């Protein structure tokens, strides 16, 4: 069927889902434990990782994935009952076993949170195709489960689409709205003031974040992108407008591209369940 080829093309992998369901069952059968060790297998090899349940003070932080050479891979969940976040982070783990590095954009987001740049940090996800693919997979999984459990048999396609829209309207994660295409043009300068953004660009390019948190890796992807815009190895206020213009261009290009894929994923599920 067309929808199966569509999902496979975008990395909605049934094998990853199978592992996620297996781990999910284990952590919910043994609720007295908050730390687990699992084996994950793919075509690249066998990988052991830790999974921890640790409630976050930040209600928007559902989970995260980390890696370092000493401790290996770790998936952290705020809620053991959150299957889609487990799947999302497992997708990142699978990706990491293939490319052996963590996206600099994802590092930038984590660091921007620490530096209190939360006003713009979520927009950094729009710069990262890997993050979008993981997010798309977790949305797919939750919508798929919802439809399989709630949709009447022999439902016509228009009604299936209505079920999906109703599900999304009350879904725990509304970041899908970032991918919705509309007439408004995203402008990062409308979300944060000029001084705020200059601090962010300076931190990313000059390495203040690395120095402050003694992290060993650098923001090569995002930092290089901005450096290429301004033609300097440091952030100069004279190039602020040029930097803003380019980043806005990338953000809006990805909104359109990701929005089309998100909509197609929803219509793929309509094709799967509707008559």
C-alpha atoms as a PDB file:
ATOM      1  CA  UNK A   1       0.000   0.000   0.000  1.00  0.00           C
ATOM      2  CA  UNK A   2       1.120   3.548  -0.701  1.00  0.00           C
ATOM      3  CA  UNK A   3       1.090   4.629   2.931  1.00  0.00           C
ATOM      4  CA  UNK A   4       3.550   1.881   3.931  1.00  0.00           C
ATOM      5  CA  UNK A   5       6.112   3.016   1.330  1.00  0.00           C
ATOM      6  CA  UNK A   6       5.541   6.618   2.392  1.00  0.00           C
ATOM      7  CA  UNK A   7       6.215   5.885   6.071  1.00  0.00           C
ATOM      8  CA  UNK A   8       9.312   3.809   5.286  1.00  0.00           C
ATOM      9  CA  UNK A   9      10.666   6.606   3.094  1.00  0.00           C
ATOM     10  CA  UNK A  10      10.524   9.037   6.017  1.00  0.00           C
ATOM     11  CA  UNK A  11      12.138   6.671   8.476  1.00  0.00           C
ATOM     12  CA  UNK A  12       9.020   5.446  10.295  1.00  0.00           C
ATOM     13  CA  UNK A  13      10.687   2.151  11.010  1.00  0.00           C
ATOM     14  CA  UNK A  14       8.682  -0.842  12.227  1.00  0.00           C
ATOM     15  CA  UNK A  15      11.764  -2.449  13.800  1.00  0.00           C
ATOM     16  CA  UNK A  16      12.412   0.607  15.982  1.00  0.00           C
ATOM     17  CA  UNK A  17       8.743   0.580  16.968  1.00  0.00           C
ATOM     18  CA  UNK A  18       9.002  -3.097  17.900  1.00  0.00           C
ATOM     19  CA  UNK A  19      11.922  -2.402  20.246  1.00  0.00           C
ATOM     20  CA  UNK A  20      10.168   0.629  21.741  1.00  0.00           C
ATOM     21  CA  UNK A  21       7.086  -1.460  22.526  1.00  0.00           C
ATOM     22  CA  UNK A  22       9.253  -4.144  24.125  1.00  0.00           C
ATOM     23  CA  UNK A  23      11.068  -1.634  26.370  1.00  0.00           C
ATOM     24  CA  UNK A  24       7.803   0.142  27.166  1.00  0.00           C
ATOM     25  CA  UNK A  25       6.253  -3.089  28.405  1.00  0.00           C
ATOM     26  CA  UNK A  26       9.242  -3.864  30.624  1.00  0.00           C
ATOM     27  CA  UNK A  27       9.434  -0.460  32.329  1.00  0.00           C
ATOM     28  CA  UNK A  28       5.693  -0.492  33.017  1.00  0.00           C
ATOM     29  CA  UNK A  29       5.669  -4.048  34.335  1.00  0.00           C
ATOM     30  CA  UNK A  30       8.400  -3.164  36.841  1.00  0.00           C
ATOM     31  CA  UNK A  31       7.299   0.182  38.277  1.00  0.00           C
ATOM     32  CA  UNK A  32       9.527  -0.132  41.359  1.00  0.00           C
ATOM     33  CA  UNK A  33      12.623   0.478  39.251  1.00  0.00           C
ATOM     34  CA  UNK A  34      13.615   3.788  37.680  1.00  0.00           C
ATOM     35  CA  UNK A  35      16.734   2.580  35.895  1.00  0.00           C
ATOM     36  CA  UNK A  36      17.001  -0.111  33.243  1.00  0.00           C
ATOM     37  CA  UNK A  37      19.601  -1.468  30.855  1.00  0.00           C
ATOM     38  CA  UNK A  38      18.500  -2.649  27.410  1.00  0.00           C
ATOM     39  CA  UNK A  39      20.033  -4.119  24.280  1.00  0.00           C
ATOM     40  CA  UNK A  40      19.226  -2.442  20.959  1.00  0.00           C
ATOM     41  CA  UNK A  41      20.100  -4.095  17.647  1.00  0.00           C
ATOM     42  CA  UNK A  42      20.184  -2.703  14.133  1.00  0.00           C
ATOM     43  CA  UNK A  43      22.099  -3.426  10.942  1.00  0.00           C
ATOM     44  CA  UNK A  44      25.135  -1.595  12.355  1.00  0.00           C
ATOM     45  CA  UNK A  45      25.572  -3.736  15.474  1.00  0.00           C
ATOM     46  CA  UNK A  46      24.424  -4.419  19.028  1.00  0.00           C
ATOM     47  CA  UNK A  47      24.199  -1.541  21.512  1.00  0.00           C
ATOM     48  CA  UNK A  48      23.494  -1.541  25.241  1.00  0.00           C
ATOM     49  CA  UNK A  49      21.986   1.605  26.709  1.00  0.00           C
ATOM     50  CA  UNK A  50      20.535   2.837  29.999  1.00  0.00           C
ATOM     51  CA  UNK A  51      16.961   4.029  30.305  1.00  0.00           C
ATOM     52  CA  UNK A  52      16.103   6.149  33.334  1.00  0.00           C
ATOM     53  CA  UNK A  53      12.808   7.490  34.627  1.00  0.00           C
ATOM     54  CA  UNK A  54      13.347  10.910  36.139  1.00  0.00           C
ATOM     55  CA  UNK A  55      10.570  13.447  36.517  1.00  0.00           C
ATOM     56  CA  UNK A  56      11.527  16.866  35.205  1.00  0.00           C
ATOM     57  CA  UNK A  57      10.702  20.187  36.846  1.00  0.00           C
ATOM     58  CA  UNK A  58      10.053  21.465  33.330  1.00  0.00           C
ATOM     59  CA  UNK A  59       6.623  20.261  32.217  1.00  0.00           C
ATOM     60  CA  UNK A  60       7.645  20.678  28.572  1.00  0.00           C
ATOM     61  CA  UNK A  61      10.673  18.413  28.912  1.00  0.00           C
ATOM     62  CA  UNK A  62       9.250  14.966  28.159  1.00  0.00           C
ATOM     63  CA  UNK A  63      12.565  13.215  27.641  1.00  0.00           C
ATOM     64  CA  UNK A  64      16.032  13.436  26.150  1.00  0.00           C
ATOM     65  CA  UNK A  65      18.856  11.326  24.749  1.00  0.00           C
ATOM     66  CA  UNK A  66      22.532  11.645  25.723  1.00  0.00           C
ATOM     67  CA  UNK A  67      25.805   9.991  24.790  1.00  0.00           C
ATOM     68  CA  UNK A  68      29.384  10.185  25.977  1.00  0.00           C
ATOM     69  CA  UNK A  69      32.303   7.811  25.477  1.00  0.00           C
ATOM     70  CA  UNK A  70      32.571   6.909  29.162  1.00  0.00           C
ATOM     71  CA  UNK A  71      28.904   6.315  30.026  1.00  0.00           C
ATOM     72  CA  UNK A  72      27.577   5.327  26.593  1.00  0.00           C
ATOM     73  CA  UNK A  73      23.985   5.875  25.528  1.00  0.00           C
ATOM     74  CA  UNK A  74      21.219   6.980  27.894  1.00  0.00           C
ATOM     75  CA  UNK A  75      17.535   7.692  27.322  1.00  0.00           C
ATOM     76  CA  UNK A  76      15.825   9.745  30.016  1.00  0.00           C
ATOM     77  CA  UNK A  77      12.033   9.827  30.348  1.00  0.00           C
ATOM     78  CA  UNK A  78       9.981  12.115  32.574  1.00  0.00           C
ATOM     79  CA  UNK A  79       7.031   9.704  32.493  1.00  0.00           C
ATOM     80  CA  UNK A  80       7.305   5.925  32.119  1.00  0.00           C
ATOM     81  CA  UNK A  81       3.848   5.890  30.525  1.00  0.00           C
ATOM     82  CA  UNK A  82       4.940   8.125  27.632  1.00  0.00           C
ATOM     83  CA  UNK A  83       5.417   5.680  24.762  1.00  0.00           C
ATOM     84  CA  UNK A  84       5.811   8.217  21.960  1.00  0.00           C
ATOM     85  CA  UNK A  85       8.647  10.039  23.757  1.00  0.00           C
ATOM     86  CA  UNK A  86      10.427   6.719  24.294  1.00  0.00           C
ATOM     87  CA  UNK A  87      10.063   6.014  20.580  1.00  0.00           C
ATOM     88  CA  UNK A  88      11.264   9.535  19.744  1.00  0.00           C
ATOM     89  CA  UNK A  89      14.444   9.189  21.803  1.00  0.00           C
ATOM     90  CA  UNK A  90      15.084   5.656  20.551  1.00  0.00           C
ATOM     91  CA  UNK A  91      14.980   7.105  17.058  1.00  0.00           C
ATOM     92  CA  UNK A  92      17.770   9.489  18.070  1.00  0.00           C
ATOM     93  CA  UNK A  93      19.767   6.596  19.530  1.00  0.00           C
ATOM     94  CA  UNK A  94      19.431   4.638  16.282  1.00  0.00           C
ATOM     95  CA  UNK A  95      20.533   7.681  14.324  1.00  0.00           C
ATOM     96  CA  UNK A  96      23.528   8.180  16.619  1.00  0.00           C
ATOM     97  CA  UNK A  97      24.731   4.593  16.084  1.00  0.00           C
ATOM     98  CA  UNK A  98      24.846   5.360  12.375  1.00  0.00           C
ATOM     99  CA  UNK A  99      26.479   8.790  12.277  1.00  0.00           C
ATOM    100  CA  UNK A 100      28.478   8.615  15.540  1.00  0.00           C
ATOM    101  CA  UNK A 101      27.721  12.192  16.447  1.00  0.00           C
ATOM    102  CA  UNK A 102      24.979  14.269  17.990  1.00  0.00           C
ATOM    103  CA  UNK A 103      23.416  17.020  15.910  1.00  0.00           C
ATOM    104  CA  UNK A 104      24.966  20.392  16.707  1.00  0.00           C
ATOM    105  CA  UNK A 105      21.505  21.901  16.385  1.00  0.00           C
ATOM    106  CA  UNK A 106      20.260  19.650  19.197  1.00  0.00           C
ATOM    107  CA  UNK A 107      23.266  20.655  21.307  1.00  0.00           C
ATOM    108  CA  UNK A 108      22.485  24.283  20.558  1.00  0.00           C
ATOM    109  CA  UNK A 109      18.945  23.825  21.787  1.00  0.00           C
ATOM    110  CA  UNK A 110      20.072  22.165  25.002  1.00  0.00           C
ATOM    111  CA  UNK A 111      22.611  24.906  25.611  1.00  0.00           C
ATOM    112  CA  UNK A 112      20.154  27.651  24.767  1.00  0.00           C
ATOM    113  CA  UNK A 113      17.885  26.228  27.464  1.00  0.00           C
ATOM    114  CA  UNK A 114      20.733  26.467  29.977  1.00  0.00           C
ATOM    115  CA  UNK A 115      21.511  29.997  28.874  1.00  0.00           C
ATOM    116  CA  UNK A 116      17.842  30.959  29.275  1.00  0.00           C
ATOM    117  CA  UNK A 117      17.245  31.381  25.566  1.00  0.00           C
ATOM    118  CA  UNK A 118      14.023  29.391  25.782  1.00  0.00           C
ATOM    119  CA  UNK A 119      12.164  32.008  23.736  1.00  0.00           C
ATOM    120  CA  UNK A 120      13.954  30.884  20.605  1.00  0.00           C
ATOM    121  CA  UNK A 121      15.279  27.432  21.467  1.00  0.00           C
ATOM    122  CA  UNK A 122      12.276  25.568  20.075  1.00  0.00           C
ATOM    123  CA  UNK A 123      12.840  27.207  16.694  1.00  0.00           C
ATOM    124  CA  UNK A 124      16.207  25.490  16.485  1.00  0.00           C
ATOM    125  CA  UNK A 125      14.296  22.251  15.904  1.00  0.00           C
ATOM    126  CA  UNK A 126      13.217  23.697  12.566  1.00  0.00           C
ATOM    127  CA  UNK A 127      16.862  23.779  11.527  1.00  0.00           C
ATOM    128  CA  UNK A 128      17.344  20.052  12.150  1.00  0.00           C
ATOM    129  CA  UNK A 129      15.853  17.446   9.734  1.00  0.00           C
ATOM    130  CA  UNK A 130      16.851  14.606  12.090  1.00  0.00           C
ATOM    131  CA  UNK A 131      14.827  16.125  14.905  1.00  0.00           C
ATOM    132  CA  UNK A 132      11.844  16.510  12.605  1.00  0.00           C
ATOM    133  CA  UNK A 133      12.003  12.876  11.503  1.00  0.00           C
ATOM    134  CA  UNK A 134      12.059  11.670  15.116  1.00  0.00           C
ATOM    135  CA  UNK A 135       9.184  14.009  15.963  1.00  0.00           C
ATOM    136  CA  UNK A 136       7.201  12.801  12.945  1.00  0.00           C
ATOM    137  CA  UNK A 137       7.664   9.174  14.018  1.00  0.00           C
ATOM    138  CA  UNK A 138       6.405   9.840  17.559  1.00  0.00           C
ATOM    139  CA  UNK A 139       3.349  11.686  16.234  1.00  0.00           C
ATOM    140  CA  UNK A 140       2.653   8.834  13.844  1.00  0.00           C
ATOM    141  CA  UNK A 141       2.872   6.259  16.634  1.00  0.00           C
ATOM    142  CA  UNK A 142       0.424   8.030  18.944  1.00  0.00           C
ATOM    143  CA  UNK A 143      -2.080   8.809  16.180  1.00  0.00           C
ATOM    144  CA  UNK A 144      -1.855   5.232  14.929  1.00  0.00           C
ATOM    145  CA  UNK A 145      -2.578   3.847  18.403  1.00  0.00           C
ATOM    146  CA  UNK A 146      -5.433   6.292  18.914  1.00  0.00           C
ATOM    147  CA  UNK A 147      -7.098   5.389  15.619  1.00  0.00           C
ATOM    148  CA  UNK A 148      -6.691   1.652  16.162  1.00  0.00           C
ATOM    149  CA  UNK A 149      -8.350   1.905  19.587  1.00  0.00           C
ATOM    150  CA  UNK A 150     -11.094   4.457  18.898  1.00  0.00           C
ATOM    151  CA  UNK A 151     -12.046   4.405  15.245  1.00  0.00           C
ATOM    152  CA  UNK A 152     -15.248   2.520  14.341  1.00  0.00           C
ATOM    153  CA  UNK A 153     -14.937  -0.173  11.684  1.00  0.00           C
ATOM    154  CA  UNK A 154     -15.504   0.778   8.047  1.00  0.00           C
ATOM    155  CA  UNK A 155     -15.012   4.485   8.710  1.00  0.00           C
ATOM    156  CA  UNK A 156     -14.975   6.724   5.682  1.00  0.00           C
ATOM    157  CA  UNK A 157     -11.827   8.746   5.042  1.00  0.00           C
ATOM    158  CA  UNK A 158     -13.265  12.223   5.808  1.00  0.00           C
ATOM    159  CA  UNK A 159     -14.274  11.021   9.265  1.00  0.00           C
ATOM    160  CA  UNK A 160     -10.831   9.460   9.859  1.00  0.00           C
ATOM    161  CA  UNK A 161      -9.279  12.853   9.129  1.00  0.00           C
ATOM    162  CA  UNK A 162     -11.689  14.453  11.601  1.00  0.00           C
ATOM    163  CA  UNK A 163     -10.574  11.959  14.280  1.00  0.00           C
ATOM    164  CA  UNK A 164      -6.947  12.891  13.614  1.00  0.00           C
ATOM    165  CA  UNK A 165      -7.655  16.611  13.886  1.00  0.00           C
ATOM    166  CA  UNK A 166      -9.563  16.102  17.152  1.00  0.00           C
ATOM    167  CA  UNK A 167      -6.676  14.044  18.519  1.00  0.00           C
ATOM    168  CA  UNK A 168      -4.115  16.710  17.656  1.00  0.00           C
ATOM    169  CA  UNK A 169      -6.261  19.463  19.188  1.00  0.00           C
ATOM    170  CA  UNK A 170      -5.850  17.904  22.638  1.00  0.00           C
ATOM    171  CA  UNK A 171      -2.449  16.264  22.185  1.00  0.00           C
ATOM    172  CA  UNK A 172       0.221  16.709  24.872  1.00  0.00           C
ATOM    173  CA  UNK A 173       2.727  18.117  22.365  1.00  0.00           C
ATOM    174  CA  UNK A 174       1.548  21.005  20.192  1.00  0.00           C
ATOM    175  CA  UNK A 175       4.882  21.534  18.449  1.00  0.00           C
ATOM    176  CA  UNK A 176       3.289  20.130  15.284  1.00  0.00           C
ATOM    177  CA  UNK A 177       1.869  23.622  14.876  1.00  0.00           C
ATOM    178  CA  UNK A 178       5.381  24.718  13.899  1.00  0.00           C
ATOM    179  CA  UNK A 179       4.958  22.696  10.721  1.00  0.00           C
ATOM    180  CA  UNK A 180       1.579  24.102   9.758  1.00  0.00           C
ATOM    181  CA  UNK A 181       1.861  26.231   6.662  1.00  0.00           C
ATOM    182  CA  UNK A 182       0.063  29.551   6.717  1.00  0.00           C
ATOM    183  CA  UNK A 183       0.451  33.065   5.390  1.00  0.00           C
ATOM    184  CA  UNK A 184       2.578  34.320   8.291  1.00  0.00           C
ATOM    185  CA  UNK A 185       6.342  34.455   7.827  1.00  0.00           C
ATOM    186  CA  UNK A 186       8.372  33.384  10.868  1.00  0.00           C
ATOM    187  CA  UNK A 187      10.666  36.130  12.059  1.00  0.00           C
ATOM    188  CA  UNK A 188      12.963  35.191  14.886  1.00  0.00           C
ATOM    189  CA  UNK A 189      13.315  38.867  15.813  1.00  0.00           C
ATOM    190  CA  UNK A 190       9.572  38.951  16.609  1.00  0.00           C
ATOM    191  CA  UNK A 191      10.072  36.275  19.254  1.00  0.00           C
ATOM    192  CA  UNK A 192      13.068  37.733  21.041  1.00  0.00           C
ATOM    193  CA  UNK A 193      14.530  41.205  21.233  1.00  0.00           C
ATOM    194  CA  UNK A 194      17.756  42.264  19.537  1.00  0.00           C
ATOM    195  CA  UNK A 195      19.928  42.146  22.639  1.00  0.00           C
ATOM    196  CA  UNK A 196      18.650  38.664  23.433  1.00  0.00           C
ATOM    197  CA  UNK A 197      19.520  37.334  19.948  1.00  0.00           C
ATOM    198  CA  UNK A 198      22.936  38.964  19.893  1.00  0.00           C
ATOM    199  CA  UNK A 199      23.764  37.169  23.146  1.00  0.00           C
ATOM    200  CA  UNK A 200      22.674  33.880  21.579  1.00  0.00           C
ATOM    201  CA  UNK A 201      24.704  34.365  18.386  1.00  0.00           C
ATOM    202  CA  UNK A 202      27.751  35.464  20.351  1.00  0.00           C
ATOM    203  CA  UNK A 203      27.522  32.419  22.614  1.00  0.00           C
ATOM    204  CA  UNK A 204      27.149  30.025  19.699  1.00  0.00           C
ATOM    205  CA  UNK A 205      29.915  31.474  17.532  1.00  0.00           C
ATOM    206  CA  UNK A 206      32.495  32.582  20.071  1.00  0.00           C
ATOM    207  CA  UNK A 207      32.221  29.422  22.151  1.00  0.00           C
ATOM    208  CA  UNK A 208      31.057  31.048  25.376  1.00  0.00           C
ATOM    209  CA  UNK A 209      28.710  28.130  25.886  1.00  0.00           C
ATOM    210  CA  UNK A 210      31.536  25.632  25.593  1.00  0.00           C
ATOM    211  CA  UNK A 211      33.699  27.552  28.051  1.00  0.00           C
ATOM    212  CA  UNK A 212      30.909  28.071  30.545  1.00  0.00           C
ATOM    213  CA  UNK A 213      29.806  24.448  30.659  1.00  0.00           C
ATOM    214  CA  UNK A 214      33.200  22.826  29.919  1.00  0.00           C
ATOM    215  CA  UNK A 215      31.699  20.754  27.114  1.00  0.00           C
ATOM    216  CA  UNK A 216      34.195  19.104  24.790  1.00  0.00           C
ATOM    217  CA  UNK A 217      32.326  19.438  21.512  1.00  0.00           C
ATOM    218  CA  UNK A 218      31.581  22.539  19.503  1.00  0.00           C
ATOM    219  CA  UNK A 219      28.625  23.933  17.604  1.00  0.00           C
ATOM    220  CA  UNK A 220      30.142  23.212  14.221  1.00  0.00           C
ATOM    221  CA  UNK A 221      26.941  22.992  12.222  1.00  0.00           C
ATOM    222  CA  UNK A 222      25.140  26.082  13.480  1.00  0.00           C
ATOM    223  CA  UNK A 223      28.278  28.043  14.245  1.00  0.00           C
ATOM    224  CA  UNK A 224      29.745  27.372  10.783  1.00  0.00           C
ATOM    225  CA  UNK A 225      26.487  28.380   9.160  1.00  0.00           C
ATOM    226  CA  UNK A 226      26.422  31.742  10.903  1.00  0.00           C
ATOM    227  CA  UNK A 227      30.143  32.305  10.371  1.00  0.00           C
ATOM    228  CA  UNK A 228      29.684  31.747   6.644  1.00  0.00           C
ATOM    229  CA  UNK A 229      26.920  34.360   6.622  1.00  0.00           C
ATOM    230  CA  UNK A 230      28.905  37.113   8.280  1.00  0.00           C
ATOM    231  CA  UNK A 231      32.308  36.079   6.903  1.00  0.00           C
ATOM    232  CA  UNK A 232      33.954  36.326  10.310  1.00  0.00           C
ATOM    233  CA  UNK A 233      35.010  33.961  13.090  1.00  0.00           C
ATOM    234  CA  UNK A 234      33.196  36.041  15.656  1.00  0.00           C
ATOM    235  CA  UNK A 235      29.807  37.677  15.860  1.00  0.00           C
ATOM    236  CA  UNK A 236      29.887  41.318  14.842  1.00  0.00           C
ATOM    237  CA  UNK A 237      26.846  43.466  15.579  1.00  0.00           C
ATOM    238  CA  UNK A 238      27.218  45.099  12.169  1.00  0.00           C
ATOM    239  CA  UNK A 239      26.191  41.789  10.591  1.00  0.00           C
ATOM    240  CA  UNK A 240      23.182  41.237  12.820  1.00  0.00           C
ATOM    241  CA  UNK A 241      20.555  41.962  10.141  1.00  0.00           C
ATOM    242  CA  UNK A 242      22.265  39.709   7.601  1.00  0.00           C
ATOM    243  CA  UNK A 243      22.374  36.852  10.083  1.00  0.00           C
ATOM    244  CA  UNK A 244      18.727  37.302  11.032  1.00  0.00           C
ATOM    245  CA  UNK A 245      17.642  37.383   7.396  1.00  0.00           C
ATOM    246  CA  UNK A 246      19.393  34.125   6.551  1.00  0.00           C
ATOM    247  CA  UNK A 247      18.172  32.230   9.600  1.00  0.00           C
ATOM    248  CA  UNK A 248      14.596  33.372   8.922  1.00  0.00           C
ATOM    249  CA  UNK A 249      14.939  32.092   5.362  1.00  0.00           C
ATOM    250  CA  UNK A 250      16.016  28.625   6.538  1.00  0.00           C
ATOM    251  CA  UNK A 251      13.291  28.478   9.187  1.00  0.00           C
ATOM    252  CA  UNK A 252      10.547  29.290   6.694  1.00  0.00           C
ATOM    253  CA  UNK A 253      11.866  26.951   4.032  1.00  0.00           C
ATOM    254  CA  UNK A 254      11.770  24.110   6.548  1.00  0.00           C
ATOM    255  CA  UNK A 255       8.300  25.048   7.778  1.00  0.00           C
ATOM    256  CA  UNK A 256       7.035  24.516   4.244  1.00  0.00           C
ATOM    257  CA  UNK A 257       8.998  21.295   3.690  1.00  0.00           C
ATOM    258  CA  UNK A 258       8.206  19.753   7.083  1.00  0.00           C
ATOM    259  CA  UNK A 259       4.595  20.901   6.894  1.00  0.00           C
ATOM    260  CA  UNK A 260       4.055  19.032   3.642  1.00  0.00           C
ATOM    261  CA  UNK A 261       5.529  15.858   5.151  1.00  0.00           C
ATOM    262  CA  UNK A 262       3.460  16.170   8.318  1.00  0.00           C
ATOM    263  CA  UNK A 263       0.256  16.623   6.321  1.00  0.00           C
ATOM    264  CA  UNK A 264       1.160  13.678   4.097  1.00  0.00           C
ATOM    265  CA  UNK A 265       1.757  11.518   7.172  1.00  0.00           C
ATOM    266  CA  UNK A 266      -1.754  12.346   8.393  1.00  0.00           C
ATOM    267  CA  UNK A 267      -3.266  11.578   4.987  1.00  0.00           C
ATOM    268  CA  UNK A 268      -1.264   8.351   4.913  1.00  0.00           C
ATOM    269  CA  UNK A 269      -3.028   7.303   8.112  1.00  0.00           C
ATOM    270  CA  UNK A 270      -6.337   8.301   6.539  1.00  0.00           C
ATOM    271  CA  UNK A 271      -5.483   5.972   3.652  1.00  0.00           C
ATOM    272  CA  UNK A 272      -4.528   3.230   6.101  1.00  0.00           C
ATOM    273  CA  UNK A 273      -7.721   3.306   8.155  1.00  0.00           C
ATOM    274  CA  UNK A 274     -10.372   4.847   5.909  1.00  0.00           C
ATOM    275  CA  UNK A 275     -12.573   3.288   3.257  1.00  0.00           C
END
